Amino acid sequence: MSYYSKHVFFCTNERQDGGLSCQRFDTQKMRKYVKMKCKELGIHGEGKTRINSGGCLGRCQEGPVMVVYPEGIWYTFVDEEDLDDIIEQHLLKGQIVKRLQLKNREST
């Protein structure tokens, strides 16, 4: 069994050359918001959910992005309301938030 039931990674990459990156959307602040909410709800910590910065996740052109494991579900978001939906639906109820889900790329 995994140490955490869910592991959430936020892309917090910031490109030094000013190129497109998720941190341009203040993802570090958004990650802190989700971590705080998960703590308030009692779903953060060992055996529960872990919220992490992930550096570059390679999908900045679709950013801001986050990914939830073990399901491997990728999301984009705009504001705290979107993040609340991901917390409520996915992290608490195990239901994918389709309107925010990014599609996985098909291998060639």
C-alpha atoms as a PDB file:
ATOM      1  CA  MET A   1       0.000   0.000   0.000  1.00  0.00           C
ATOM      2  CA  SER A   2       1.202   3.499  -0.832  1.00  0.00           C
ATOM      3  CA  TYR A   3       2.269   5.902   1.904  1.00  0.00           C
ATOM      4  CA  TYR A   4      -0.396   8.351   0.645  1.00  0.00           C
ATOM      5  CA  SER A   5      -3.773   7.510  -0.850  1.00  0.00           C
ATOM      6  CA  LYS A   6      -3.459  10.486  -3.233  1.00  0.00           C
ATOM      7  CA  HIS A   7      -0.410  12.470  -4.304  1.00  0.00           C
ATOM      8  CA  VAL A   8      -1.006  15.834  -5.993  1.00  0.00           C
ATOM      9  CA  PHE A   9       1.754  17.580  -7.924  1.00  0.00           C
ATOM     10  CA  PHE A  10       1.477  21.220  -9.004  1.00  0.00           C
ATOM     11  CA  CYS A  11       3.727  22.482 -11.779  1.00  0.00           C
ATOM     12  CA  THR A  12       5.472  25.463 -10.194  1.00  0.00           C
ATOM     13  CA  ASN A  13       8.076  25.896 -12.923  1.00  0.00           C
ATOM     14  CA  GLU A  14       9.228  29.407 -13.794  1.00  0.00           C
ATOM     15  CA  ARG A  15      11.340  29.799 -16.918  1.00  0.00           C
ATOM     16  CA  GLN A  16      14.209  32.238 -16.510  1.00  0.00           C
ATOM     17  CA  ASP A  17      13.911  33.313 -20.167  1.00  0.00           C
ATOM     18  CA  GLY A  18      10.334  34.499 -19.607  1.00  0.00           C
ATOM     19  CA  GLY A  19       8.892  31.674 -21.698  1.00  0.00           C
ATOM     20  CA  LEU A  20       5.532  30.065 -21.031  1.00  0.00           C
ATOM     21  CA  SER A  21       5.483  28.420 -17.618  1.00  0.00           C
ATOM     22  CA  CYS A  22       2.881  27.511 -15.024  1.00  0.00           C
ATOM     23  CA  GLN A  23       4.299  29.795 -12.327  1.00  0.00           C
ATOM     24  CA  ARG A  24       3.136  32.748 -14.456  1.00  0.00           C
ATOM     25  CA  PHE A  25      -0.304  31.750 -13.088  1.00  0.00           C
ATOM     26  CA  ASP A  26       0.944  31.898  -9.468  1.00  0.00           C
ATOM     27  CA  THR A  27       0.761  28.145  -9.015  1.00  0.00           C
ATOM     28  CA  GLN A  28       2.851  28.216  -5.835  1.00  0.00           C
ATOM     29  CA  LYS A  29       0.079  30.280  -4.202  1.00  0.00           C
ATOM     30  CA  MET A  30      -2.564  27.901  -5.589  1.00  0.00           C
ATOM     31  CA  ARG A  31      -0.649  24.878  -4.238  1.00  0.00           C
ATOM     32  CA  LYS A  32      -0.532  26.476  -0.788  1.00  0.00           C
ATOM     33  CA  TYR A  33      -4.279  27.112  -0.987  1.00  0.00           C
ATOM     34  CA  VAL A  34      -5.025  23.442  -1.756  1.00  0.00           C
ATOM     35  CA  LYS A  35      -2.683  22.230   0.979  1.00  0.00           C
ATOM     36  CA  MET A  36      -4.369  24.518   3.527  1.00  0.00           C
ATOM     37  CA  LYS A  37      -7.855  23.361   2.455  1.00  0.00           C
ATOM     38  CA  CYS A  38      -6.849  19.702   2.653  1.00  0.00           C
ATOM     39  CA  LYS A  39      -5.481  20.242   6.162  1.00  0.00           C
ATOM     40  CA  GLU A  40      -8.717  21.991   7.189  1.00  0.00           C
ATOM     41  CA  LEU A  41     -10.725  19.054   5.823  1.00  0.00           C
ATOM     42  CA  GLY A  42      -8.516  16.513   7.612  1.00  0.00           C
ATOM     43  CA  ILE A  43      -7.446  14.803   4.383  1.00  0.00           C
ATOM     44  CA  HIS A  44      -3.770  15.848   4.357  1.00  0.00           C
ATOM     45  CA  GLY A  45      -0.986  13.692   5.714  1.00  0.00           C
ATOM     46  CA  GLU A  46       0.182  10.110   6.068  1.00  0.00           C
ATOM     47  CA  GLY A  47      -2.328   7.629   4.641  1.00  0.00           C
ATOM     48  CA  LYS A  48      -4.292  10.499   3.123  1.00  0.00           C
ATOM     49  CA  THR A  49      -3.379  13.185   0.567  1.00  0.00           C
ATOM     50  CA  ARG A  50      -0.020  14.831  -0.059  1.00  0.00           C
ATOM     51  CA  ILE A  51       0.228  18.184  -1.903  1.00  0.00           C
ATOM     52  CA  ASN A  52       3.595  18.843  -3.611  1.00  0.00           C
ATOM     53  CA  SER A  53       5.366  21.227  -5.938  1.00  0.00           C
ATOM     54  CA  GLY A  54       6.471  19.274  -8.954  1.00  0.00           C
ATOM     55  CA  GLY A  55       8.756  21.612 -10.835  1.00  0.00           C
ATOM     56  CA  CYS A  56       8.193  21.403 -14.579  1.00  0.00           C
ATOM     57  CA  LEU A  57       5.673  18.720 -15.478  1.00  0.00           C
ATOM     58  CA  GLY A  58       6.170  19.259 -19.217  1.00  0.00           C
ATOM     59  CA  ARG A  59       2.707  20.587 -20.060  1.00  0.00           C
ATOM     60  CA  CYS A  60       3.153  24.333 -19.502  1.00  0.00           C
ATOM     61  CA  GLN A  61       1.453  25.095 -22.822  1.00  0.00           C
ATOM     62  CA  GLU A  62      -1.740  23.762 -21.201  1.00  0.00           C
ATOM     63  CA  GLY A  63      -1.054  25.457 -17.878  1.00  0.00           C
ATOM     64  CA  PRO A  64      -1.447  25.935 -15.168  1.00  0.00           C
ATOM     65  CA  VAL A  65      -1.430  22.201 -14.532  1.00  0.00           C
ATOM     66  CA  MET A  66      -1.555  19.700 -11.709  1.00  0.00           C
ATOM     67  CA  VAL A  67      -1.696  15.908 -11.687  1.00  0.00           C
ATOM     68  CA  VAL A  68      -3.329  13.575  -9.150  1.00  0.00           C
ATOM     69  CA  TYR A  69      -1.852  10.127  -8.523  1.00  0.00           C
ATOM     70  CA  PRO A  70      -2.355   7.204  -8.352  1.00  0.00           C
ATOM     71  CA  GLU A  71      -5.029   7.851 -10.985  1.00  0.00           C
ATOM     72  CA  GLY A  72      -2.748   9.960 -13.202  1.00  0.00           C
ATOM     73  CA  ILE A  73      -5.472  12.544 -13.807  1.00  0.00           C
ATOM     74  CA  TRP A  74      -4.216  15.879 -15.148  1.00  0.00           C
ATOM     75  CA  TYR A  75      -6.067  19.111 -14.480  1.00  0.00           C
ATOM     76  CA  THR A  76      -5.874  22.727 -15.444  1.00  0.00           C
ATOM     77  CA  PHE A  77      -7.455  25.443 -13.329  1.00  0.00           C
ATOM     78  CA  VAL A  78      -8.049  29.174 -13.280  1.00  0.00           C
ATOM     79  CA  ASP A  79      -8.950  30.095  -9.724  1.00  0.00           C
ATOM     80  CA  GLU A  80      -9.706  28.861  -6.215  1.00  0.00           C
ATOM     81  CA  GLU A  81     -13.240  27.891  -7.257  1.00  0.00           C
ATOM     82  CA  ASP A  82     -11.765  25.397  -9.752  1.00  0.00           C
ATOM     83  CA  LEU A  83      -9.440  24.068  -7.057  1.00  0.00           C
ATOM     84  CA  ASP A  84     -12.356  23.726  -4.629  1.00  0.00           C
ATOM     85  CA  ASP A  85     -14.151  21.601  -7.244  1.00  0.00           C
ATOM     86  CA  ILE A  86     -11.093  19.342  -7.601  1.00  0.00           C
ATOM     87  CA  ILE A  87     -10.816  18.991  -3.819  1.00  0.00           C
ATOM     88  CA  GLU A  88     -14.529  18.325  -3.335  1.00  0.00           C
ATOM     89  CA  GLN A  89     -15.092  16.020  -6.288  1.00  0.00           C
ATOM     90  CA  HIS A  90     -11.778  14.231  -6.841  1.00  0.00           C
ATOM     91  CA  LEU A  91      -9.893  14.263  -3.552  1.00  0.00           C
ATOM     92  CA  LEU A  92     -12.939  13.717  -1.326  1.00  0.00           C
ATOM     93  CA  LYS A  93     -15.305  11.731  -3.575  1.00  0.00           C
ATOM     94  CA  GLY A  94     -12.981  10.109  -6.114  1.00  0.00           C
ATOM     95  CA  GLN A  95     -14.844  11.623  -9.083  1.00  0.00           C
ATOM     96  CA  ILE A  96     -12.984  13.204 -11.996  1.00  0.00           C
ATOM     97  CA  VAL A  97     -13.815  16.864 -12.643  1.00  0.00           C
ATOM     98  CA  LYS A  98     -14.322  16.505 -16.403  1.00  0.00           C
ATOM     99  CA  ARG A  99     -14.562  20.253 -17.141  1.00  0.00           C
ATOM    100  CA  LEU A 100     -11.008  20.772 -15.799  1.00  0.00           C
ATOM    101  CA  GLN A 101      -9.429  17.501 -16.924  1.00  0.00           C
ATOM    102  CA  LEU A 102      -6.650  17.572 -19.502  1.00  0.00           C
ATOM    103  CA  LYS A 103      -6.658  14.707 -21.937  1.00  0.00           C
ATOM    104  CA  ASN A 104      -3.764  12.272 -21.881  1.00  0.00           C
ATOM    105  CA  ARG A 105      -1.732  12.195 -25.060  1.00  0.00           C
ATOM    106  CA  GLU A 106      -1.962   9.056 -27.114  1.00  0.00           C
ATOM    107  CA  SER A 107       1.373   7.363 -27.687  1.00  0.00           C
ATOM    108  CA  THR A 108       2.522   7.123 -31.280  1.00  0.00           C
END
